[in-house]
């Protein structure tokens, strides 16, 4: 099973669950199976600009890329905004 790890904010939106074990052949399938898929993917089905996805420690850009059954997917939400001095 593919393991998907969510950061705290997305885990809160997923009912407090940070880890998901999914049966997914591709990165796209894994991301779409998440209860927070709409926060990770935009209306075109692409990863949102302030979200980064890593597969087995490497930044992933190709959603059609196949995943090994033992893959670990980590989602990192970038922090933006704030005030300049």
N, C-alpha and C. Protein backbone atom coordinates (compact mmCIF):
# COMPACT_ATOMS: atom_id res chain seq x y z
N UNK A 1 0.83 -1.18 0.00
CA UNK A 1 0.00 0.00 0.00
C UNK A 1 0.87 1.25 0.00
N UNK A 2 0.47 2.23 -0.76
CA UNK A 2 1.14 3.52 -0.80
C UNK A 2 0.78 4.28 0.48
N UNK A 3 1.76 4.88 1.11
CA UNK A 3 1.53 5.68 2.31
C UNK A 3 1.61 7.15 1.93
N UNK A 4 0.58 7.91 2.29
CA UNK A 4 0.55 9.35 2.05
C UNK A 4 0.54 10.05 3.40
N UNK A 5 1.47 10.98 3.59
CA UNK A 5 1.59 11.72 4.84
C UNK A 5 1.18 13.18 4.61
N UNK A 6 0.31 13.67 5.46
CA UNK A 6 -0.18 15.04 5.35
C UNK A 6 0.44 15.92 6.42
N UNK A 7 0.65 17.21 6.11
CA UNK A 7 1.09 18.15 7.15
C UNK A 7 -0.07 18.45 8.09
N UNK A 8 0.23 19.07 9.20
CA UNK A 8 -0.76 19.34 10.24
C UNK A 8 -2.03 20.01 9.77
N UNK A 9 -1.91 21.09 9.00
CA UNK A 9 -3.10 21.83 8.57
C UNK A 9 -4.01 20.98 7.69
N UNK A 10 -3.44 20.25 6.75
CA UNK A 10 -4.25 19.38 5.91
C UNK A 10 -4.81 18.21 6.71
N UNK A 11 -4.04 17.71 7.66
CA UNK A 11 -4.53 16.62 8.52
C UNK A 11 -5.75 17.08 9.32
N UNK A 12 -5.72 18.31 9.78
CA UNK A 12 -6.87 18.85 10.51
C UNK A 12 -8.11 18.83 9.62
N UNK A 13 -7.94 19.22 8.36
CA UNK A 13 -9.06 19.21 7.41
C UNK A 13 -9.50 17.80 7.05
N UNK A 14 -8.61 16.83 7.27
CA UNK A 14 -8.92 15.42 6.98
C UNK A 14 -9.41 14.70 8.24
N UNK A 15 -9.93 15.46 9.18
CA UNK A 15 -10.46 14.86 10.40
C UNK A 15 -9.40 14.45 11.40
N UNK A 16 -8.22 15.04 11.28
CA UNK A 16 -7.14 14.74 12.23
C UNK A 16 -6.22 13.62 11.79
N UNK A 17 -6.51 13.00 10.66
CA UNK A 17 -5.69 11.88 10.19
C UNK A 17 -4.51 12.40 9.37
N UNK A 18 -3.30 12.01 9.78
CA UNK A 18 -2.08 12.46 9.09
C UNK A 18 -1.53 11.43 8.10
N UNK A 19 -1.92 10.18 8.27
CA UNK A 19 -1.36 9.09 7.46
C UNK A 19 -2.49 8.32 6.79
N UNK A 20 -2.33 8.10 5.50
CA UNK A 20 -3.29 7.33 4.72
C UNK A 20 -2.57 6.21 3.99
N UNK A 21 -3.11 5.02 4.05
CA UNK A 21 -2.59 3.89 3.28
C UNK A 21 -3.58 3.64 2.15
N UNK A 22 -3.09 3.78 0.93
CA UNK A 22 -3.96 3.74 -0.24
C UNK A 22 -3.49 2.73 -1.25
N UNK A 23 -4.42 2.17 -1.97
CA UNK A 23 -4.12 1.30 -3.09
C UNK A 23 -4.17 2.18 -4.34
N UNK A 24 -3.02 2.66 -4.79
CA UNK A 24 -2.97 3.59 -5.93
C UNK A 24 -1.82 3.22 -6.84
N UNK A 25 -2.07 3.22 -8.14
CA UNK A 25 -1.04 2.88 -9.12
C UNK A 25 -0.21 4.10 -9.53
N UNK A 26 -0.82 5.29 -9.44
CA UNK A 26 -0.12 6.51 -9.85
C UNK A 26 -0.25 7.57 -8.75
N UNK A 27 0.58 8.59 -8.87
CA UNK A 27 0.51 9.69 -7.92
C UNK A 27 -0.84 10.39 -8.00
N UNK A 28 -1.36 10.54 -9.19
CA UNK A 28 -2.67 11.16 -9.39
C UNK A 28 -3.76 10.39 -8.63
N UNK A 29 -3.75 9.07 -8.74
CA UNK A 29 -4.73 8.25 -8.04
C UNK A 29 -4.62 8.41 -6.53
N UNK A 30 -3.40 8.46 -6.03
CA UNK A 30 -3.19 8.61 -4.59
C UNK A 30 -3.71 9.95 -4.10
N UNK A 31 -3.40 11.02 -4.81
CA UNK A 31 -3.83 12.35 -4.39
C UNK A 31 -5.34 12.51 -4.48
N UNK A 32 -5.95 11.97 -5.52
CA UNK A 32 -7.40 12.08 -5.70
C UNK A 32 -8.16 11.26 -4.66
N UNK A 33 -7.54 10.25 -4.09
CA UNK A 33 -8.20 9.41 -3.09
C UNK A 33 -8.23 10.05 -1.71
N UNK A 34 -7.51 11.13 -1.52
CA UNK A 34 -7.46 11.79 -0.22
C UNK A 34 -8.73 12.59 0.05
N UNK A 35 -9.17 12.64 1.30
CA UNK A 35 -10.35 13.46 1.60
C UNK A 35 -10.09 14.96 1.44
N UNK A 36 -8.85 15.35 1.31
CA UNK A 36 -8.50 16.76 1.10
C UNK A 36 -7.98 17.00 -0.32
N UNK A 37 -8.39 16.16 -1.25
CA UNK A 37 -7.92 16.28 -2.64
C UNK A 37 -8.19 17.66 -3.21
N UNK A 38 -9.32 18.26 -2.85
CA UNK A 38 -9.66 19.58 -3.38
C UNK A 38 -8.73 20.67 -2.84
N UNK A 39 -8.06 20.43 -1.74
CA UNK A 39 -7.10 21.39 -1.20
C UNK A 39 -5.70 21.18 -1.77
N UNK A 40 -5.44 20.00 -2.30
CA UNK A 40 -4.14 19.66 -2.87
C UNK A 40 -4.13 19.91 -4.37
N UNK A 41 -5.23 19.59 -5.03
CA UNK A 41 -5.34 19.72 -6.48
C UNK A 41 -6.27 20.87 -6.84
N UNK A 42 -5.93 21.58 -7.92
CA UNK A 42 -6.79 22.67 -8.37
C UNK A 42 -7.90 22.14 -9.28
N UNK A 43 -8.70 23.04 -9.83
CA UNK A 43 -9.82 22.65 -10.67
C UNK A 43 -9.41 21.94 -11.97
N UNK A 44 -8.16 22.09 -12.37
CA UNK A 44 -7.64 21.39 -13.56
C UNK A 44 -7.04 20.04 -13.21
N UNK A 45 -7.01 19.73 -11.91
CA UNK A 45 -6.43 18.46 -11.47
C UNK A 45 -4.93 18.51 -11.29
N UNK A 46 -4.37 19.71 -11.25
CA UNK A 46 -2.93 19.88 -11.05
C UNK A 46 -2.66 20.26 -9.60
N UNK A 47 -1.46 19.96 -9.14
CA UNK A 47 -1.09 20.30 -7.77
C UNK A 47 -1.09 21.83 -7.63
N UNK A 48 -1.72 22.29 -6.57
CA UNK A 48 -1.82 23.74 -6.33
C UNK A 48 -0.41 24.34 -6.18
N UNK A 49 -0.24 25.62 -6.55
CA UNK A 49 1.09 26.25 -6.54
C UNK A 49 1.81 26.23 -5.19
N UNK A 50 1.09 26.33 -4.09
CA UNK A 50 1.75 26.37 -2.78
C UNK A 50 1.80 25.01 -2.09
N UNK A 51 1.59 23.96 -2.88
CA UNK A 51 1.68 22.59 -2.36
C UNK A 51 2.81 21.88 -3.09
N UNK A 52 3.65 21.21 -2.33
CA UNK A 52 4.74 20.43 -2.91
C UNK A 52 4.51 18.98 -2.54
N UNK A 53 4.79 18.09 -3.49
CA UNK A 53 4.59 16.66 -3.27
C UNK A 53 5.93 15.96 -3.48
N UNK A 54 6.24 15.07 -2.55
CA UNK A 54 7.49 14.30 -2.60
C UNK A 54 7.15 12.82 -2.59
N UNK A 55 7.82 12.07 -3.44
CA UNK A 55 7.67 10.62 -3.47
C UNK A 55 9.01 10.01 -3.12
N UNK A 56 9.04 9.27 -2.05
CA UNK A 56 10.27 8.64 -1.56
C UNK A 56 11.41 9.65 -1.43
N UNK A 57 11.07 10.86 -0.99
CA UNK A 57 12.07 11.89 -0.73
C UNK A 57 12.41 12.80 -1.90
N UNK A 58 11.90 12.50 -3.09
CA UNK A 58 12.19 13.31 -4.27
C UNK A 58 10.95 14.12 -4.66
N UNK A 59 11.16 15.38 -5.02
CA UNK A 59 10.05 16.24 -5.44
C UNK A 59 9.42 15.65 -6.69
N UNK A 60 8.10 15.53 -6.68
CA UNK A 60 7.36 14.93 -7.79
C UNK A 60 6.62 16.00 -8.56
N UNK A 61 6.67 15.91 -9.88
CA UNK A 61 5.96 16.86 -10.74
C UNK A 61 4.99 16.15 -11.68
N UNK A 62 5.26 14.88 -11.97
CA UNK A 62 4.47 14.12 -12.93
C UNK A 62 3.39 13.31 -12.20
N UNK A 63 2.15 13.76 -12.29
CA UNK A 63 1.06 13.08 -11.59
C UNK A 63 0.75 11.71 -12.19
N UNK A 64 1.16 11.50 -13.43
CA UNK A 64 0.92 10.20 -14.07
C UNK A 64 2.00 9.18 -13.73
N UNK A 65 2.99 9.60 -12.97
CA UNK A 65 4.09 8.70 -12.63
C UNK A 65 3.58 7.51 -11.82
N UNK A 66 4.04 6.32 -12.17
CA UNK A 66 3.62 5.15 -11.41
C UNK A 66 4.25 5.16 -10.01
N UNK A 67 3.53 4.59 -9.06
CA UNK A 67 4.03 4.46 -7.70
C UNK A 67 4.28 3.00 -7.39
N UNK A 68 5.36 2.73 -6.69
CA UNK A 68 5.58 1.37 -6.23
C UNK A 68 4.62 1.12 -5.07
N UNK A 69 4.27 -0.11 -4.81
CA UNK A 69 3.36 -0.40 -3.70
C UNK A 69 3.90 0.07 -2.34
N UNK A 70 5.21 0.22 -2.23
CA UNK A 70 5.82 0.65 -0.98
C UNK A 70 6.16 2.14 -0.95
N UNK A 71 5.65 2.90 -1.91
CA UNK A 71 5.99 4.32 -2.01
C UNK A 71 5.47 5.09 -0.80
N UNK A 72 6.25 6.12 -0.43
CA UNK A 72 5.84 7.06 0.61
C UNK A 72 5.70 8.43 -0.02
N UNK A 73 4.51 8.98 0.05
CA UNK A 73 4.22 10.28 -0.54
C UNK A 73 4.05 11.26 0.61
N UNK A 74 4.79 12.36 0.55
CA UNK A 74 4.67 13.39 1.58
C UNK A 74 4.19 14.68 0.91
N UNK A 75 3.17 15.26 1.48
CA UNK A 75 2.64 16.52 0.97
C UNK A 75 3.12 17.63 1.90
N UNK A 76 3.67 18.68 1.31
CA UNK A 76 4.17 19.81 2.09
C UNK A 76 3.44 21.05 1.59
N UNK A 77 2.78 21.73 2.50
CA UNK A 77 2.09 22.97 2.14
C UNK A 77 3.01 24.14 2.47
N UNK A 78 3.32 24.93 1.45
CA UNK A 78 4.18 26.10 1.64
C UNK A 78 3.41 27.17 2.40
N UNK A 79 4.14 27.98 3.10
CA UNK A 79 3.53 29.08 3.85
C UNK A 79 3.82 30.36 3.09
N UNK A 80 2.79 31.14 2.84
CA UNK A 80 2.95 32.40 2.10
C UNK A 80 2.24 33.51 2.85
N UNK A 81 2.58 34.69 2.46
CA UNK A 81 1.91 35.84 3.06
C UNK A 81 2.76 36.44 4.17
N UNK A 82 2.14 37.20 4.99
CA UNK A 82 2.87 37.83 6.08
C UNK A 82 3.04 39.31 5.81
N UNK A 83 3.86 39.91 6.61
CA UNK A 83 4.04 41.34 6.54
C UNK A 83 5.52 41.64 6.35
N UNK A 84 5.82 42.56 5.48
CA UNK A 84 7.21 42.96 5.30
C UNK A 84 7.51 44.12 6.22
N UNK A 85 8.74 44.18 6.61
CA UNK A 85 9.15 45.24 7.56
C UNK A 85 9.50 46.51 6.84
